[in-house]
Amino acid sequence: MTGPVLVIELAEAPSDATLLRLRDVLKEASSSFGELRRGEYDLSVRPERLGIPDDADAQGTENSRHRPVRVSVMGPGIGDGTVFAAEHAYDSDEPDPEPLIGFTPTHAVDVIAFCGAPVDHVVTALLTAAVMDVTGGIANAELRADQAELVEGLPGLVATTTTPRPAAYGSAAFLRAWASRPGFRLLN
């Protein structure tokens, strides 16, 4: 089962120093860490290392103490440029976010959970916020139609869209505030 995904839009390529700091932050959050290539990491995240209590997974999923996540930096010169280009092909169905976030992304960081239990949604949001503390950027979170009202007024919210799909753009503070709300869920 694939879990939630968040994308961090970046205005420029992350430097080598930023990638080293990112690697350190991800290793600190993990009980198991693998570097697949420069800028792409497989993690087994320990929720408590992100400040998530041990009992956060009310569904009691197996192995809830180790959550599998992939973090992937991509764009020209790093990662799969083809995937980045496909995900950022702005047209009438997917408009350029520059008017919303103040820049046209040149690179992105995908944070992808491999499970979909409630704790995985919180892990994805808080790990994305920790990544943003290192890389900067603006998180792009797809929303269900009924979630737009839930995010309005949260600190760090930069913009929302309703078409072609509902989405929220925000800072690390936005993700932390949203994740602290009861019943918090990202889209899978």
N, C-alpha and C. Protein backbone atom coordinates (compact mmCIF):
# COMPACT_ATOMS: atom_id res chain seq x y z
N MET A 1 0.84 -1.18 0.00
CA MET A 1 0.00 0.00 0.00
C MET A 1 0.88 1.24 0.00
N THR A 2 0.58 2.19 -0.86
CA THR A 2 1.30 3.45 -0.88
C THR A 2 0.59 4.41 0.05
N GLY A 3 1.38 5.15 0.78
CA GLY A 3 0.83 6.11 1.72
C GLY A 3 0.85 7.51 1.18
N PRO A 4 0.78 8.49 2.07
CA PRO A 4 0.73 9.88 1.66
C PRO A 4 2.04 10.37 1.06
N VAL A 5 1.92 11.41 0.24
CA VAL A 5 3.06 12.03 -0.42
C VAL A 5 2.95 13.54 -0.26
N LEU A 6 4.06 14.17 0.05
CA LEU A 6 4.16 15.63 0.03
C LEU A 6 5.32 16.03 -0.87
N VAL A 7 5.18 17.17 -1.53
CA VAL A 7 6.22 17.69 -2.41
C VAL A 7 6.66 19.05 -1.88
N ILE A 8 7.97 19.24 -1.78
CA ILE A 8 8.53 20.54 -1.44
C ILE A 8 9.03 21.17 -2.72
N GLU A 9 8.49 22.31 -3.08
CA GLU A 9 8.91 23.03 -4.27
C GLU A 9 10.09 23.92 -3.89
N LEU A 10 11.17 23.86 -4.68
CA LEU A 10 12.37 24.63 -4.40
C LEU A 10 12.63 25.64 -5.52
N ALA A 11 13.13 26.81 -5.14
CA ALA A 11 13.43 27.88 -6.10
C ALA A 11 14.78 27.69 -6.77
N GLU A 12 15.63 26.82 -6.19
CA GLU A 12 16.95 26.57 -6.76
C GLU A 12 17.44 25.20 -6.32
N ALA A 13 18.48 24.74 -7.00
CA ALA A 13 19.06 23.44 -6.64
C ALA A 13 19.66 23.50 -5.26
N PRO A 14 19.46 22.45 -4.46
CA PRO A 14 20.11 22.41 -3.15
C PRO A 14 21.63 22.25 -3.32
N SER A 15 22.38 22.94 -2.51
CA SER A 15 23.85 22.85 -2.56
C SER A 15 24.32 21.52 -1.99
N ASP A 16 25.57 21.21 -2.23
CA ASP A 16 26.15 19.99 -1.66
C ASP A 16 26.10 20.05 -0.13
N ALA A 17 26.36 21.22 0.45
CA ALA A 17 26.30 21.38 1.91
C ALA A 17 24.88 21.13 2.42
N THR A 18 23.88 21.60 1.70
CA THR A 18 22.48 21.37 2.09
C THR A 18 22.16 19.88 2.04
N LEU A 19 22.63 19.19 1.00
CA LEU A 19 22.37 17.75 0.89
C LEU A 19 23.06 16.98 2.02
N LEU A 20 24.23 17.42 2.44
CA LEU A 20 24.90 16.77 3.58
C LEU A 20 24.12 16.98 4.87
N ARG A 21 23.62 18.20 5.09
CA ARG A 21 22.79 18.47 6.28
C ARG A 21 21.50 17.66 6.22
N LEU A 22 20.89 17.59 5.05
CA LEU A 22 19.67 16.81 4.88
C LEU A 22 19.93 15.34 5.22
N ARG A 23 21.01 14.81 4.72
CA ARG A 23 21.38 13.42 5.01
C ARG A 23 21.48 13.20 6.53
N ASP A 24 22.12 14.12 7.23
CA ASP A 24 22.26 14.00 8.68
C ASP A 24 20.91 14.04 9.40
N VAL A 25 20.02 14.94 8.98
CA VAL A 25 18.69 15.04 9.59
C VAL A 25 17.90 13.75 9.37
N LEU A 26 17.97 13.21 8.18
CA LEU A 26 17.24 11.99 7.87
C LEU A 26 17.80 10.79 8.65
N LYS A 27 19.11 10.72 8.76
CA LYS A 27 19.72 9.63 9.55
C LYS A 27 19.29 9.72 11.01
N GLU A 28 19.20 10.95 11.54
CA GLU A 28 18.81 11.13 12.94
C GLU A 28 17.36 10.67 13.18
N ALA A 29 16.49 10.83 12.20
CA ALA A 29 15.08 10.45 12.34
C ALA A 29 14.85 8.96 12.11
N SER A 30 15.88 8.24 11.68
CA SER A 30 15.71 6.87 11.21
C SER A 30 16.37 5.84 12.10
N SER A 31 15.79 4.66 12.10
CA SER A 31 16.45 3.51 12.71
C SER A 31 17.22 2.74 11.64
N SER A 32 16.87 2.96 10.38
CA SER A 32 17.54 2.35 9.25
C SER A 32 17.59 3.38 8.14
N PHE A 33 18.74 3.51 7.50
CA PHE A 33 18.93 4.56 6.51
C PHE A 33 19.72 4.01 5.33
N GLY A 34 19.23 4.27 4.12
CA GLY A 34 19.95 3.87 2.92
C GLY A 34 19.98 5.01 1.92
N GLU A 35 21.13 5.24 1.33
CA GLU A 35 21.26 6.28 0.31
C GLU A 35 21.31 5.58 -1.04
N LEU A 36 20.23 5.75 -1.82
CA LEU A 36 20.11 5.07 -3.11
C LEU A 36 20.96 5.75 -4.18
N ARG A 37 21.06 7.04 -4.08
CA ARG A 37 21.87 7.88 -4.96
C ARG A 37 21.99 9.22 -4.26
N ARG A 38 22.78 10.12 -4.79
CA ARG A 38 22.89 11.46 -4.23
C ARG A 38 21.50 12.10 -4.22
N GLY A 39 20.98 12.39 -3.03
CA GLY A 39 19.68 13.04 -2.91
C GLY A 39 18.48 12.12 -2.82
N GLU A 40 18.69 10.81 -2.78
CA GLU A 40 17.54 9.90 -2.65
C GLU A 40 17.83 8.90 -1.54
N TYR A 41 16.88 8.83 -0.59
CA TYR A 41 17.11 8.08 0.63
C TYR A 41 15.90 7.21 0.98
N ASP A 42 16.17 5.99 1.41
CA ASP A 42 15.15 5.12 1.99
C ASP A 42 15.36 5.12 3.49
N LEU A 43 14.28 5.33 4.23
CA LEU A 43 14.36 5.46 5.68
C LEU A 43 13.38 4.52 6.35
N SER A 44 13.70 4.18 7.56
CA SER A 44 12.76 3.55 8.46
C SER A 44 12.64 4.54 9.62
N VAL A 45 11.63 5.39 9.54
CA VAL A 45 11.50 6.52 10.47
C VAL A 45 10.96 6.05 11.81
N ARG A 46 11.56 6.54 12.86
CA ARG A 46 11.07 6.32 14.23
C ARG A 46 10.19 7.50 14.59
N PRO A 47 8.86 7.32 14.68
CA PRO A 47 7.95 8.44 14.94
C PRO A 47 8.34 9.27 16.17
N GLU A 48 8.80 8.62 17.24
CA GLU A 48 9.14 9.38 18.45
C GLU A 48 10.30 10.35 18.21
N ARG A 49 11.14 10.08 17.22
CA ARG A 49 12.24 11.00 16.90
C ARG A 49 11.74 12.28 16.23
N LEU A 50 10.49 12.25 15.79
CA LEU A 50 9.85 13.46 15.24
C LEU A 50 8.90 14.09 16.25
N GLY A 51 8.90 13.57 17.48
CA GLY A 51 8.02 14.10 18.52
C GLY A 51 6.64 13.49 18.54
N ILE A 52 6.44 12.38 17.83
CA ILE A 52 5.15 11.70 17.77
C ILE A 52 5.12 10.65 18.88
N PRO A 53 4.12 10.70 19.76
CA PRO A 53 4.06 9.73 20.85
C PRO A 53 3.93 8.30 20.34
N ASP A 54 4.41 7.35 21.15
CA ASP A 54 4.35 5.93 20.78
C ASP A 54 2.93 5.45 20.49
N ASP A 55 1.93 6.05 21.13
CA ASP A 55 0.55 5.60 20.94
C ASP A 55 -0.18 6.36 19.83
N ALA A 56 0.56 7.06 18.96
CA ALA A 56 -0.07 7.88 17.93
C ALA A 56 -0.80 7.07 16.88
N ASP A 57 -0.45 5.80 16.73
CA ASP A 57 -1.11 4.97 15.73
C ASP A 57 -2.24 4.19 16.37
N ALA A 58 -3.41 4.79 16.37
CA ALA A 58 -4.57 4.20 17.03
C ALA A 58 -4.99 2.87 16.38
N GLN A 59 -4.63 2.66 15.13
CA GLN A 59 -5.01 1.42 14.47
C GLN A 59 -4.10 0.26 14.87
N GLY A 60 -3.01 0.54 15.57
CA GLY A 60 -2.12 -0.52 16.04
C GLY A 60 -1.53 -1.35 14.93
N THR A 61 -1.09 -0.70 13.85
CA THR A 61 -0.52 -1.45 12.74
C THR A 61 0.76 -2.14 13.16
N GLU A 62 1.02 -3.25 12.50
CA GLU A 62 2.24 -4.01 12.77
C GLU A 62 3.46 -3.13 12.50
N ASN A 63 4.44 -3.23 13.35
CA ASN A 63 5.72 -2.53 13.20
C ASN A 63 5.52 -1.02 13.14
N SER A 64 4.61 -0.48 13.95
CA SER A 64 4.31 0.95 13.90
C SER A 64 5.46 1.80 14.38
N ARG A 65 6.46 1.20 14.99
CA ARG A 65 7.60 1.98 15.49
C ARG A 65 8.60 2.31 14.39
N HIS A 66 8.49 1.68 13.23
CA HIS A 66 9.42 1.90 12.12
C HIS A 66 8.60 2.12 10.86
N ARG A 67 8.55 3.36 10.38
CA ARG A 67 7.70 3.69 9.24
C ARG A 67 8.55 3.88 7.98
N PRO A 68 8.32 3.08 6.93
CA PRO A 68 9.12 3.19 5.71
C PRO A 68 8.76 4.44 4.90
N VAL A 69 9.79 5.20 4.56
CA VAL A 69 9.61 6.46 3.83
C VAL A 69 10.76 6.61 2.83
N ARG A 70 10.48 7.20 1.69
CA ARG A 70 11.53 7.59 0.74
C ARG A 70 11.51 9.11 0.61
N VAL A 71 12.71 9.69 0.62
CA VAL A 71 12.89 11.12 0.38
C VAL A 71 13.74 11.25 -0.88
N SER A 72 13.23 11.99 -1.85
CA SER A 72 13.90 12.06 -3.15
C SER A 72 13.99 13.51 -3.63
N VAL A 73 15.23 13.98 -3.78
CA VAL A 73 15.48 15.32 -4.34
C VAL A 73 15.61 15.14 -5.84
N MET A 74 14.96 16.01 -6.61
CA MET A 74 15.05 15.88 -8.05
C MET A 74 14.97 17.23 -8.75
N GLY A 75 15.47 17.24 -9.96
CA GLY A 75 15.50 18.42 -10.81
C GLY A 75 16.75 18.36 -11.65
N PRO A 76 16.97 19.35 -12.49
CA PRO A 76 18.16 19.34 -13.34
C PRO A 76 19.44 19.15 -12.52
N GLY A 77 20.23 18.13 -12.91
CA GLY A 77 21.49 17.89 -12.25
C GLY A 77 21.43 16.99 -11.03
N ILE A 78 20.24 16.64 -10.59
CA ILE A 78 20.12 15.76 -9.42
C ILE A 78 18.84 14.94 -9.55
N GLY A 79 18.98 13.65 -9.39
CA GLY A 79 17.81 12.78 -9.46
C GLY A 79 17.31 12.60 -10.88
N ASP A 80 16.09 12.18 -10.97
CA ASP A 80 15.48 11.89 -12.27
C ASP A 80 14.87 13.16 -12.84
N GLY A 81 15.59 13.80 -13.74
CA GLY A 81 15.11 15.04 -14.37
C GLY A 81 13.84 14.82 -15.17
N THR A 82 13.65 13.62 -15.72
CA THR A 82 12.45 13.32 -16.49
C THR A 82 11.22 13.33 -15.59
N VAL A 83 11.33 12.71 -14.41
CA VAL A 83 10.21 12.70 -13.47
C VAL A 83 9.90 14.12 -13.02
N PHE A 84 10.93 14.89 -12.68
CA PHE A 84 10.71 16.27 -12.27
C PHE A 84 9.98 17.03 -13.38
N ALA A 85 10.45 16.91 -14.61
CA ALA A 85 9.83 17.62 -15.74
C ALA A 85 8.38 17.20 -15.92
N ALA A 86 8.09 15.92 -15.79
CA ALA A 86 6.71 15.44 -15.94
C ALA A 86 5.82 15.97 -14.82
N GLU A 87 6.34 15.97 -13.58
CA GLU A 87 5.54 16.44 -12.45
C GLU A 87 5.35 17.96 -12.47
N HIS A 88 6.21 18.66 -13.20
CA HIS A 88 6.15 20.12 -13.21
C HIS A 88 5.85 20.67 -14.61
N ALA A 89 5.13 19.91 -15.41
CA ALA A 89 4.70 20.35 -16.74
C ALA A 89 3.44 21.18 -16.57
N TYR A 90 3.60 22.48 -16.53
CA TYR A 90 2.47 23.37 -16.27
C TYR A 90 1.72 23.64 -17.55
N ASP A 91 0.42 23.41 -17.50
CA ASP A 91 -0.46 23.68 -18.63
C ASP A 91 -1.82 24.06 -18.05
N SER A 92 -2.84 23.97 -18.86
CA SER A 92 -4.17 24.37 -18.39
C SER A 92 -4.67 23.46 -17.27
N ASP A 93 -4.18 22.20 -17.24
CA ASP A 93 -4.58 21.28 -16.18
C ASP A 93 -3.76 21.45 -14.91
N GLU A 94 -2.56 21.95 -15.03
CA GLU A 94 -1.66 22.12 -13.90
C GLU A 94 -0.92 23.44 -14.08
N PRO A 95 -1.51 24.53 -13.60
CA PRO A 95 -0.92 25.84 -13.86
C PRO A 95 0.39 26.07 -13.11
N ASP A 96 1.18 27.00 -13.62
CA ASP A 96 2.43 27.41 -12.99
C ASP A 96 2.13 27.97 -11.61
N PRO A 97 2.79 27.48 -10.56
CA PRO A 97 2.50 27.95 -9.21
C PRO A 97 3.13 29.30 -8.87
N GLU A 98 3.92 29.87 -9.77
CA GLU A 98 4.63 31.12 -9.47
C GLU A 98 3.73 32.22 -8.90
N PRO A 99 2.55 32.45 -9.45
CA PRO A 99 1.69 33.48 -8.85
C PRO A 99 1.24 33.15 -7.43
N LEU A 100 1.23 31.87 -7.08
CA LEU A 100 0.80 31.44 -5.75
C LEU A 100 1.93 31.47 -4.73
N ILE A 101 3.13 31.00 -5.14
CA ILE A 101 4.21 30.83 -4.18
C ILE A 101 5.38 31.79 -4.39
N GLY A 102 5.34 32.56 -5.47
CA GLY A 102 6.37 33.57 -5.68
C GLY A 102 7.57 33.12 -6.49
N PHE A 103 7.57 31.89 -6.97
CA PHE A 103 8.66 31.41 -7.82
C PHE A 103 8.18 30.21 -8.63
N THR A 104 8.89 29.95 -9.72
CA THR A 104 8.64 28.74 -10.50
C THR A 104 9.67 27.71 -10.03
N PRO A 105 9.23 26.57 -9.53
CA PRO A 105 10.17 25.59 -9.00
C PRO A 105 11.18 25.12 -10.05
N THR A 106 12.43 25.02 -9.61
CA THR A 106 13.49 24.45 -10.44
C THR A 106 13.83 23.04 -9.99
N HIS A 107 13.54 22.74 -8.72
CA HIS A 107 13.82 21.44 -8.12
C HIS A 107 12.70 21.13 -7.12
N ALA A 108 12.65 19.89 -6.69
CA ALA A 108 11.63 19.49 -5.71
C ALA A 108 12.20 18.38 -4.84
N VAL A 109 11.56 18.21 -3.69
CA VAL A 109 11.84 17.08 -2.81
C VAL A 109 10.52 16.36 -2.58
N ASP A 110 10.47 15.09 -2.93
CA ASP A 110 9.28 14.28 -2.66
C ASP A 110 9.51 13.52 -1.36
N VAL A 111 8.51 13.51 -0.49
CA VAL A 111 8.53 12.72 0.74
C VAL A 111 7.37 11.74 0.61
N ILE A 112 7.71 10.45 0.51
CA ILE A 112 6.74 9.43 0.16
C ILE A 112 6.69 8.36 1.25
N ALA A 113 5.54 8.20 1.88
CA ALA A 113 5.36 7.13 2.87
C ALA A 113 4.91 5.87 2.14
N PHE A 114 5.36 4.73 2.62
CA PHE A 114 4.99 3.46 1.99
C PHE A 114 3.85 2.76 2.70
N CYS A 115 3.32 3.36 3.76
CA CYS A 115 2.17 2.81 4.47
C CYS A 115 1.17 3.95 4.69
N GLY A 116 -0.08 3.61 4.94
CA GLY A 116 -1.12 4.63 5.02
C GLY A 116 -1.86 4.69 6.34
N ALA A 117 -1.28 4.18 7.42
CA ALA A 117 -1.92 4.28 8.73
C ALA A 117 -1.92 5.74 9.18
N PRO A 118 -2.78 6.10 10.13
CA PRO A 118 -2.81 7.50 10.60
C PRO A 118 -1.43 8.03 11.00
N VAL A 119 -0.61 7.21 11.64
CA VAL A 119 0.71 7.68 12.05
C VAL A 119 1.57 8.03 10.84
N ASP A 120 1.38 7.35 9.70
CA ASP A 120 2.17 7.64 8.51
C ASP A 120 1.87 9.03 7.95
N HIS A 121 0.65 9.49 8.10
CA HIS A 121 0.29 10.83 7.66
C HIS A 121 1.02 11.88 8.49
N VAL A 122 1.06 11.66 9.80
CA VAL A 122 1.74 12.60 10.69
C VAL A 122 3.25 12.53 10.46
N VAL A 123 3.79 11.32 10.32
CA VAL A 123 5.22 11.16 10.05
C VAL A 123 5.59 11.89 8.76
N THR A 124 4.79 11.73 7.72
CA THR A 124 5.08 12.39 6.44
C THR A 124 5.10 13.90 6.59
N ALA A 125 4.11 14.45 7.28
CA ALA A 125 4.05 15.90 7.46
C ALA A 125 5.22 16.41 8.29
N LEU A 126 5.52 15.76 9.40
CA LEU A 126 6.58 16.25 10.28
C LEU A 126 7.97 16.00 9.69
N LEU A 127 8.15 14.90 8.97
CA LEU A 127 9.43 14.69 8.30
C LEU A 127 9.61 15.71 7.18
N THR A 128 8.55 16.01 6.45
CA THR A 128 8.63 17.04 5.41
C THR A 128 9.01 18.38 6.01
N ALA A 129 8.41 18.72 7.15
CA ALA A 129 8.75 19.98 7.83
C ALA A 129 10.23 19.99 8.23
N ALA A 130 10.74 18.86 8.72
CA ALA A 130 12.16 18.78 9.10
C ALA A 130 13.06 18.93 7.87
N VAL A 131 12.65 18.34 6.75
CA VAL A 131 13.41 18.51 5.51
C VAL A 131 13.40 19.98 5.09
N MET A 132 12.24 20.62 5.20
CA MET A 132 12.14 22.04 4.82
C MET A 132 12.99 22.94 5.71
N ASP A 133 13.18 22.55 6.97
CA ASP A 133 14.07 23.31 7.85
C ASP A 133 15.48 23.37 7.27
N VAL A 134 15.85 22.37 6.48
CA VAL A 134 17.18 22.30 5.87
C VAL A 134 17.18 22.89 4.46
N THR A 135 16.18 22.53 3.65
CA THR A 135 16.19 22.89 2.23
C THR A 135 15.46 24.18 1.91
N GLY A 136 14.58 24.64 2.82
CA GLY A 136 13.70 25.75 2.48
C GLY A 136 12.61 25.24 1.56
N GLY A 137 11.99 26.15 0.83
CA GLY A 137 10.96 25.77 -0.11
C GLY A 137 9.56 25.89 0.45
N ILE A 138 8.61 25.50 -0.37
CA ILE A 138 7.19 25.57 -0.03
C ILE A 138 6.59 24.18 -0.26
N ALA A 139 5.88 23.66 0.74
CA ALA A 139 5.22 22.36 0.61
C ALA A 139 3.97 22.50 -0.24
N ASN A 140 3.77 21.53 -1.09
CA ASN A 140 2.59 21.45 -1.95
C ASN A 140 1.82 20.22 -1.51
N ALA A 141 0.66 20.44 -0.89
CA ALA A 141 -0.15 19.34 -0.37
C ALA A 141 -1.49 19.30 -1.08
N GLU A 142 -1.75 18.18 -1.76
CA GLU A 142 -3.08 18.02 -2.36
C GLU A 142 -4.09 17.85 -1.24
N LEU A 143 -5.29 18.36 -1.47
CA LEU A 143 -6.35 18.33 -0.47
C LEU A 143 -7.58 17.62 -1.02
N ARG A 144 -8.35 17.04 -0.11
CA ARG A 144 -9.71 16.64 -0.47
C ARG A 144 -10.53 17.93 -0.52
N ALA A 145 -11.62 17.92 -1.23
CA ALA A 145 -12.45 19.11 -1.36
C ALA A 145 -12.89 19.65 0.00
N ASP A 146 -13.15 18.77 0.96
CA ASP A 146 -13.63 19.21 2.27
C ASP A 146 -12.50 19.69 3.20
N GLN A 147 -11.24 19.59 2.77
CA GLN A 147 -10.13 19.99 3.63
C GLN A 147 -9.74 21.46 3.49
N ALA A 148 -10.19 22.13 2.47
CA ALA A 148 -9.78 23.53 2.26
C ALA A 148 -10.12 24.39 3.47
N GLU A 149 -11.28 24.17 4.05
CA GLU A 149 -11.67 24.95 5.23
C GLU A 149 -10.81 24.62 6.44
N LEU A 150 -10.32 23.37 6.51
CA LEU A 150 -9.51 22.94 7.65
C LEU A 150 -8.15 23.65 7.72
N VAL A 151 -7.62 24.02 6.55
CA VAL A 151 -6.28 24.62 6.54
C VAL A 151 -6.32 26.15 6.55
N GLU A 152 -7.46 26.74 6.22
CA GLU A 152 -7.56 28.20 6.20
C GLU A 152 -7.18 28.79 7.55
N GLY A 153 -6.33 29.80 7.52
CA GLY A 153 -5.94 30.51 8.73
C GLY A 153 -4.82 29.87 9.51
N LEU A 154 -4.32 28.72 9.07
CA LEU A 154 -3.21 28.10 9.79
C LEU A 154 -1.93 28.91 9.56
N PRO A 155 -1.06 28.99 10.58
CA PRO A 155 0.19 29.72 10.39
C PRO A 155 1.01 29.10 9.28
N GLY A 156 1.65 29.92 8.48
CA GLY A 156 2.52 29.45 7.41
C GLY A 156 1.81 29.06 6.13
N LEU A 157 0.48 29.17 6.07
CA LEU A 157 -0.23 28.88 4.83
C LEU A 157 0.06 30.01 3.84
N VAL A 158 0.56 29.66 2.67
CA VAL A 158 0.93 30.65 1.65
C VAL A 158 -0.21 30.85 0.67
N ALA A 159 -0.84 29.75 0.22
CA ALA A 159 -1.91 29.85 -0.77
C ALA A 159 -2.69 28.54 -0.81
N THR A 160 -3.91 28.63 -1.33
CA THR A 160 -4.70 27.43 -1.61
C THR A 160 -5.25 27.55 -3.03
N THR A 161 -5.55 26.41 -3.62
CA THR A 161 -6.18 26.38 -4.93
C THR A 161 -7.39 25.47 -4.86
N THR A 162 -8.31 25.68 -5.77
CA THR A 162 -9.46 24.78 -5.88
C THR A 162 -9.49 24.08 -7.23
N THR A 163 -8.86 24.66 -8.24
CA THR A 163 -8.82 24.03 -9.55
C THR A 163 -7.39 24.03 -10.06
N PRO A 164 -6.96 23.08 -10.79
CA PRO A 164 -7.72 21.92 -11.25
C PRO A 164 -7.97 20.91 -10.14
N ARG A 165 -7.23 21.03 -9.04
CA ARG A 165 -7.44 20.17 -7.88
C ARG A 165 -7.20 21.00 -6.64
N PRO A 166 -7.88 20.71 -5.56
CA PRO A 166 -7.62 21.45 -4.32
C PRO A 166 -6.20 21.18 -3.82
N ALA A 167 -5.51 22.23 -3.41
CA ALA A 167 -4.15 22.09 -2.88
C ALA A 167 -3.88 23.24 -1.92
N ALA A 168 -2.95 22.98 -1.01
CA ALA A 168 -2.47 24.01 -0.09
C ALA A 168 -0.96 24.10 -0.24
N TYR A 169 -0.47 25.33 -0.20
CA TYR A 169 0.97 25.59 -0.25
C TYR A 169 1.35 26.26 1.06
N GLY A 170 2.40 25.73 1.71
CA GLY A 170 2.75 26.33 2.98
C GLY A 170 4.16 26.02 3.42
N SER A 171 4.52 26.61 4.54
CA SER A 171 5.84 26.47 5.14
C SER A 171 5.88 25.26 6.06
N ALA A 172 7.05 25.05 6.66
CA ALA A 172 7.20 23.99 7.65
C ALA A 172 6.25 24.24 8.83
N ALA A 173 6.09 25.50 9.22
CA ALA A 173 5.17 25.83 10.32
C ALA A 173 3.74 25.44 9.97
N PHE A 174 3.36 25.62 8.72
CA PHE A 174 2.03 25.21 8.26
C PHE A 174 1.84 23.70 8.45
N LEU A 175 2.81 22.91 8.00
CA LEU A 175 2.68 21.45 8.12
C LEU A 175 2.59 21.02 9.58
N ARG A 176 3.40 21.64 10.43
CA ARG A 176 3.36 21.28 11.86
C ARG A 176 2.01 21.65 12.48
N ALA A 177 1.48 22.81 12.12
CA ALA A 177 0.18 23.23 12.67
C ALA A 177 -0.93 22.33 12.18
N TRP A 178 -0.93 22.00 10.90
CA TRP A 178 -1.97 21.15 10.33
C TRP A 178 -1.88 19.74 10.92
N ALA A 179 -0.68 19.19 11.04
CA ALA A 179 -0.52 17.84 11.57
C ALA A 179 -0.96 17.72 13.02
N SER A 180 -0.99 18.83 13.75
CA SER A 180 -1.40 18.79 15.15
C SER A 180 -2.91 18.79 15.32
N ARG A 181 -3.65 18.99 14.24
CA ARG A 181 -5.11 19.01 14.31
C ARG A 181 -5.68 17.60 14.44
N PRO A 182 -6.74 17.44 15.23
CA PRO A 182 -7.37 16.12 15.35
C PRO A 182 -7.85 15.61 13.99
N GLY A 183 -7.65 14.33 13.74
CA GLY A 183 -8.10 13.72 12.50
C GLY A 183 -7.30 14.10 11.27
N PHE A 184 -6.10 14.66 11.46
CA PHE A 184 -5.27 15.08 10.35
C PHE A 184 -5.05 13.94 9.36
N ARG A 185 -5.22 14.22 8.07
CA ARG A 185 -4.96 13.24 7.00
C ARG A 185 -4.45 13.96 5.77
N LEU A 186 -3.47 13.37 5.13
CA LEU A 186 -3.02 13.79 3.81
C LEU A 186 -3.69 12.89 2.77
N LEU A 187 -3.57 13.26 1.51
CA LEU A 187 -4.07 12.36 0.46
C LEU A 187 -3.03 11.29 0.20
N ASN A 188 -3.50 10.10 -0.14
CA ASN A 188 -2.57 9.01 -0.52
C ASN A 188 -2.30 9.12 -2.00
